[in-house]
Amino acid sequence: MSDNAIIREIGKRIRQLRLNKNISQQSLSEKTGIHRVTLSKIERGQKISLLTIIQILRGLDELQRLDNIIPSEKLSPLQIARFHEKERKRASRQSIYEKEKEAEW
């Protein structure tokens, strides 16, 4: 699937979400701050930024759908334990060389 085909599909899905919720373009425009003509163009397949997608999904109360695009990483208990072992507990002391270097500034 080409990039343009994906963009058109996103526009169709946004339109279908809006219609399923019985929300007009004008109403969604007022709720999101995106001009109605821009919403119309997006629904017809105009290029769209990630910020605009977020604004539209928020206006449709569908922001949780972003989890489907990039799901959060699920760490196993063992991975979490290993991560905490490597986590720094305190700052290290500065060496004499580093102190002299700061003094030059």
N, C-alpha and C. Protein backbone atom coordinates (compact mmCIF):
# COMPACT_ATOMS: atom_id res chain seq x y z
N MET A 1 0.86 -1.17 0.00
CA MET A 1 0.00 0.00 0.00
C MET A 1 0.90 1.23 0.00
N SER A 2 0.61 2.17 -0.88
CA SER A 2 1.42 3.38 -0.99
C SER A 2 1.12 4.34 0.16
N ASP A 3 1.99 5.30 0.33
CA ASP A 3 1.79 6.32 1.38
C ASP A 3 0.49 7.08 1.16
N ASN A 4 0.23 7.46 -0.09
CA ASN A 4 -1.00 8.21 -0.38
C ASN A 4 -2.25 7.37 -0.12
N ALA A 5 -2.17 6.08 -0.40
CA ALA A 5 -3.31 5.20 -0.14
C ALA A 5 -3.56 5.09 1.37
N ILE A 6 -2.50 5.06 2.14
CA ILE A 6 -2.63 5.01 3.60
C ILE A 6 -3.27 6.29 4.12
N ILE A 7 -2.83 7.42 3.58
CA ILE A 7 -3.40 8.71 3.99
C ILE A 7 -4.88 8.77 3.65
N ARG A 8 -5.25 8.31 2.47
CA ARG A 8 -6.67 8.28 2.09
C ARG A 8 -7.46 7.38 3.04
N GLU A 9 -6.89 6.24 3.40
CA GLU A 9 -7.56 5.31 4.32
C GLU A 9 -7.75 5.93 5.70
N ILE A 10 -6.74 6.65 6.18
CA ILE A 10 -6.86 7.35 7.47
C ILE A 10 -8.00 8.36 7.40
N GLY A 11 -8.07 9.11 6.30
CA GLY A 11 -9.15 10.08 6.12
C GLY A 11 -10.52 9.41 6.14
N LYS A 12 -10.64 8.28 5.45
CA LYS A 12 -11.92 7.55 5.43
C LYS A 12 -12.30 7.08 6.83
N ARG A 13 -11.32 6.60 7.57
CA ARG A 13 -11.60 6.09 8.92
C ARG A 13 -11.99 7.22 9.86
N ILE A 14 -11.34 8.37 9.72
CA ILE A 14 -11.70 9.53 10.54
C ILE A 14 -13.14 9.94 10.23
N ARG A 15 -13.48 9.97 8.94
CA ARG A 15 -14.84 10.34 8.54
C ARG A 15 -15.85 9.36 9.11
N GLN A 16 -15.54 8.05 9.04
CA GLN A 16 -16.46 7.05 9.54
C GLN A 16 -16.64 7.16 11.06
N LEU A 17 -15.54 7.42 11.77
CA LEU A 17 -15.63 7.64 13.23
C LEU A 17 -16.55 8.82 13.54
N ARG A 18 -16.34 9.90 12.80
CA ARG A 18 -17.14 11.11 13.01
C ARG A 18 -18.62 10.84 12.75
N LEU A 19 -18.91 10.16 11.65
CA LEU A 19 -20.30 9.87 11.30
C LEU A 19 -20.93 8.89 12.29
N ASN A 20 -20.17 7.89 12.73
CA ASN A 20 -20.70 6.93 13.71
C ASN A 20 -21.08 7.62 15.02
N LYS A 21 -20.40 8.71 15.34
CA LYS A 21 -20.71 9.46 16.55
C LYS A 21 -21.72 10.57 16.28
N ASN A 22 -22.18 10.66 15.03
CA ASN A 22 -23.18 11.65 14.62
C ASN A 22 -22.71 13.08 14.92
N ILE A 23 -21.45 13.35 14.54
CA ILE A 23 -20.86 14.66 14.75
C ILE A 23 -20.64 15.30 13.38
N SER A 24 -21.07 16.52 13.22
CA SER A 24 -20.88 17.23 11.95
C SER A 24 -19.44 17.73 11.86
N GLN A 25 -19.01 18.02 10.63
CA GLN A 25 -17.68 18.59 10.45
C GLN A 25 -17.57 19.92 11.17
N GLN A 26 -18.63 20.70 11.13
CA GLN A 26 -18.62 22.01 11.79
C GLN A 26 -18.44 21.85 13.30
N SER A 27 -19.16 20.91 13.88
CA SER A 27 -19.07 20.68 15.32
C SER A 27 -17.67 20.20 15.71
N LEU A 28 -17.12 19.27 14.93
CA LEU A 28 -15.77 18.78 15.20
C LEU A 28 -14.75 19.89 15.01
N SER A 29 -14.98 20.73 14.02
CA SER A 29 -14.10 21.86 13.77
C SER A 29 -14.04 22.79 14.98
N GLU A 30 -15.21 23.10 15.53
CA GLU A 30 -15.27 23.98 16.71
C GLU A 30 -14.61 23.33 17.92
N LYS A 31 -14.77 22.03 18.04
CA LYS A 31 -14.22 21.31 19.20
C LYS A 31 -12.69 21.19 19.12
N THR A 32 -12.14 21.05 17.90
CA THR A 32 -10.71 20.81 17.74
C THR A 32 -9.91 22.06 17.39
N GLY A 33 -10.59 23.08 16.86
CA GLY A 33 -9.87 24.27 16.41
C GLY A 33 -9.30 24.10 15.01
N ILE A 34 -9.68 23.02 14.33
CA ILE A 34 -9.25 22.79 12.95
C ILE A 34 -10.37 23.29 12.04
N HIS A 35 -10.02 24.05 11.04
CA HIS A 35 -11.03 24.62 10.14
C HIS A 35 -11.84 23.51 9.47
N ARG A 36 -13.12 23.76 9.26
CA ARG A 36 -14.01 22.77 8.67
C ARG A 36 -13.55 22.33 7.28
N VAL A 37 -13.06 23.26 6.48
CA VAL A 37 -12.57 22.93 5.14
C VAL A 37 -11.37 21.99 5.24
N THR A 38 -10.51 22.22 6.22
CA THR A 38 -9.36 21.35 6.43
C THR A 38 -9.82 19.95 6.81
N LEU A 39 -10.82 19.85 7.69
CA LEU A 39 -11.36 18.53 8.05
C LEU A 39 -11.91 17.81 6.82
N SER A 40 -12.59 18.55 5.97
CA SER A 40 -13.14 17.97 4.75
C SER A 40 -12.03 17.43 3.86
N LYS A 41 -10.98 18.21 3.70
CA LYS A 41 -9.84 17.78 2.87
C LYS A 41 -9.17 16.54 3.47
N ILE A 42 -9.02 16.51 4.78
CA ILE A 42 -8.41 15.36 5.44
C ILE A 42 -9.24 14.11 5.19
N GLU A 43 -10.55 14.23 5.31
CA GLU A 43 -11.43 13.09 5.09
C GLU A 43 -11.40 12.61 3.64
N ARG A 44 -10.99 13.48 2.73
CA ARG A 44 -10.89 13.09 1.32
C ARG A 44 -9.48 12.63 0.96
N GLY A 45 -8.56 12.64 1.93
CA GLY A 45 -7.22 12.09 1.67
C GLY A 45 -6.10 13.08 1.57
N GLN A 46 -6.30 14.31 2.04
CA GLN A 46 -5.21 15.28 2.05
C GLN A 46 -4.19 14.85 3.10
N LYS A 47 -2.94 15.21 2.87
CA LYS A 47 -1.89 14.88 3.84
C LYS A 47 -2.24 15.48 5.19
N ILE A 48 -1.83 14.76 6.24
CA ILE A 48 -2.22 15.13 7.60
C ILE A 48 -1.01 14.94 8.52
N SER A 49 -0.86 15.85 9.47
CA SER A 49 0.25 15.72 10.42
C SER A 49 -0.20 14.89 11.62
N LEU A 50 0.75 14.39 12.35
CA LEU A 50 0.44 13.61 13.55
C LEU A 50 -0.29 14.48 14.57
N LEU A 51 0.10 15.73 14.69
CA LEU A 51 -0.57 16.64 15.62
C LEU A 51 -2.05 16.80 15.27
N THR A 52 -2.34 16.90 13.98
CA THR A 52 -3.73 17.04 13.55
C THR A 52 -4.52 15.77 13.85
N ILE A 53 -3.90 14.61 13.64
CA ILE A 53 -4.56 13.34 13.97
C ILE A 53 -4.89 13.31 15.46
N ILE A 54 -3.96 13.73 16.29
CA ILE A 54 -4.17 13.74 17.73
C ILE A 54 -5.33 14.68 18.08
N GLN A 55 -5.35 15.87 17.47
CA GLN A 55 -6.42 16.83 17.74
C GLN A 55 -7.79 16.26 17.34
N ILE A 56 -7.83 15.61 16.18
CA ILE A 56 -9.10 15.05 15.71
C ILE A 56 -9.55 13.91 16.62
N LEU A 57 -8.62 13.00 16.95
CA LEU A 57 -8.99 11.88 17.83
C LEU A 57 -9.44 12.38 19.20
N ARG A 58 -8.79 13.42 19.70
CA ARG A 58 -9.21 14.00 20.98
C ARG A 58 -10.62 14.59 20.86
N GLY A 59 -10.89 15.27 19.75
CA GLY A 59 -12.20 15.85 19.53
C GLY A 59 -13.29 14.79 19.39
N LEU A 60 -12.92 13.61 18.92
CA LEU A 60 -13.86 12.50 18.79
C LEU A 60 -13.90 11.61 20.03
N ASP A 61 -13.15 11.97 21.06
CA ASP A 61 -13.00 11.16 22.28
C ASP A 61 -12.52 9.75 21.94
N GLU A 62 -11.55 9.69 21.04
CA GLU A 62 -11.00 8.41 20.59
C GLU A 62 -9.47 8.40 20.69
N LEU A 63 -8.92 9.18 21.59
CA LEU A 63 -7.47 9.30 21.70
C LEU A 63 -6.80 7.97 22.04
N GLN A 64 -7.52 7.07 22.70
CA GLN A 64 -6.95 5.77 23.06
C GLN A 64 -6.59 4.95 21.82
N ARG A 65 -7.10 5.30 20.66
CA ARG A 65 -6.78 4.58 19.43
C ARG A 65 -5.32 4.71 19.05
N LEU A 66 -4.62 5.72 19.57
CA LEU A 66 -3.20 5.86 19.29
C LEU A 66 -2.40 4.68 19.84
N ASP A 67 -2.91 4.02 20.87
CA ASP A 67 -2.24 2.85 21.41
C ASP A 67 -2.14 1.74 20.37
N ASN A 68 -3.06 1.72 19.41
CA ASN A 68 -3.02 0.71 18.36
C ASN A 68 -1.92 0.99 17.34
N ILE A 69 -1.56 2.26 17.18
CA ILE A 69 -0.53 2.62 16.21
C ILE A 69 0.85 2.21 16.72
N ILE A 70 1.16 2.62 17.93
CA ILE A 70 2.45 2.27 18.54
C ILE A 70 2.16 1.81 19.96
N PRO A 71 1.95 0.51 20.13
CA PRO A 71 1.64 0.02 21.48
C PRO A 71 2.82 0.20 22.42
N SER A 72 2.52 0.41 23.68
CA SER A 72 3.60 0.56 24.66
C SER A 72 4.28 -0.78 24.87
N GLU A 73 5.57 -0.71 25.16
CA GLU A 73 6.36 -1.92 25.38
C GLU A 73 5.95 -2.58 26.68
N LYS A 74 5.74 -3.86 26.63
CA LYS A 74 5.43 -4.63 27.82
C LYS A 74 6.71 -5.32 28.28
N LEU A 75 7.19 -4.97 29.45
CA LEU A 75 8.40 -5.56 29.99
C LEU A 75 8.04 -6.72 30.92
N SER A 76 8.83 -7.77 30.83
CA SER A 76 8.61 -8.90 31.73
C SER A 76 9.13 -8.51 33.11
N PRO A 77 8.71 -9.19 34.15
CA PRO A 77 9.21 -8.90 35.50
C PRO A 77 10.74 -9.01 35.59
N LEU A 78 11.30 -9.96 34.84
CA LEU A 78 12.75 -10.13 34.84
C LEU A 78 13.43 -8.92 34.21
N GLN A 79 12.89 -8.40 33.11
CA GLN A 79 13.45 -7.22 32.48
C GLN A 79 13.35 -6.00 33.38
N ILE A 80 12.25 -5.87 34.09
CA ILE A 80 12.07 -4.75 35.03
C ILE A 80 13.11 -4.84 36.15
N ALA A 81 13.33 -6.03 36.69
CA ALA A 81 14.32 -6.22 37.75
C ALA A 81 15.71 -5.87 37.26
N ARG A 82 16.06 -6.31 36.06
CA ARG A 82 17.38 -6.00 35.50
C ARG A 82 17.54 -4.50 35.27
N PHE A 83 16.48 -3.85 34.83
CA PHE A 83 16.52 -2.42 34.61
C PHE A 83 16.81 -1.69 35.92
N HIS A 84 16.14 -2.10 36.99
CA HIS A 84 16.33 -1.44 38.28
C HIS A 84 17.72 -1.71 38.85
N GLU A 85 18.32 -2.84 38.52
CA GLU A 85 19.69 -3.12 38.97
C GLU A 85 20.67 -2.12 38.35
N LYS A 86 20.45 -1.77 37.08
CA LYS A 86 21.36 -0.89 36.36
C LYS A 86 21.07 0.59 36.64
N GLU A 87 19.95 0.88 37.23
CA GLU A 87 19.55 2.26 37.48
C GLU A 87 20.52 2.90 38.47
N ARG A 88 20.95 4.11 38.15
CA ARG A 88 21.88 4.81 39.03
C ARG A 88 21.17 5.24 40.30
N LYS A 89 21.87 5.07 41.39
CA LYS A 89 21.30 5.42 42.69
C LYS A 89 21.78 6.79 43.18
N ARG A 90 22.96 7.22 42.72
CA ARG A 90 23.50 8.50 43.13
C ARG A 90 24.49 9.01 42.10
N ALA A 91 24.82 10.28 42.19
CA ALA A 91 25.78 10.89 41.27
C ALA A 91 27.19 10.54 41.72
N SER A 92 28.09 10.43 40.76
CA SER A 92 29.48 10.13 41.10
C SER A 92 30.21 11.44 41.41
N ARG A 93 31.34 11.30 42.11
CA ARG A 93 32.14 12.47 42.44
C ARG A 93 32.84 12.96 41.19
N GLN A 94 33.05 14.26 41.12
CA GLN A 94 33.78 14.83 40.00
C GLN A 94 35.27 14.63 40.23
N SER A 95 35.96 14.33 39.15
CA SER A 95 37.41 14.19 39.27
C SER A 95 38.05 15.58 39.30
N ILE A 96 39.30 15.64 39.68
CA ILE A 96 40.02 16.90 39.73
C ILE A 96 40.09 17.52 38.34
N TYR A 97 40.25 16.67 37.31
CA TYR A 97 40.31 17.15 35.93
C TYR A 97 39.01 17.85 35.54
N GLU A 98 37.87 17.27 35.89
CA GLU A 98 36.58 17.86 35.55
C GLU A 98 36.38 19.19 36.28
N LYS A 99 36.85 19.28 37.54
CA LYS A 99 36.71 20.54 38.29
C LYS A 99 37.54 21.64 37.65
N GLU A 100 38.78 21.27 37.21
CA GLU A 100 39.65 22.27 36.55
C GLU A 100 39.03 22.73 35.24
N LYS A 101 38.42 21.80 34.53
CA LYS A 101 37.79 22.14 33.25
C LYS A 101 36.64 23.12 33.45
N GLU A 102 35.83 22.92 34.50
CA GLU A 102 34.72 23.83 34.80
C GLU A 102 35.25 25.20 35.21
N ALA A 103 36.38 25.24 35.88
CA ALA A 103 36.93 26.50 36.36
C ALA A 103 37.37 27.38 35.20
N GLU A 104 37.74 26.77 34.08
CA GLU A 104 38.18 27.55 32.92
C GLU A 104 37.05 28.38 32.36
N TRP A 105 35.84 27.95 32.50
CA TRP A 105 34.69 28.67 31.95
C TRP A 105 34.44 29.87 32.81
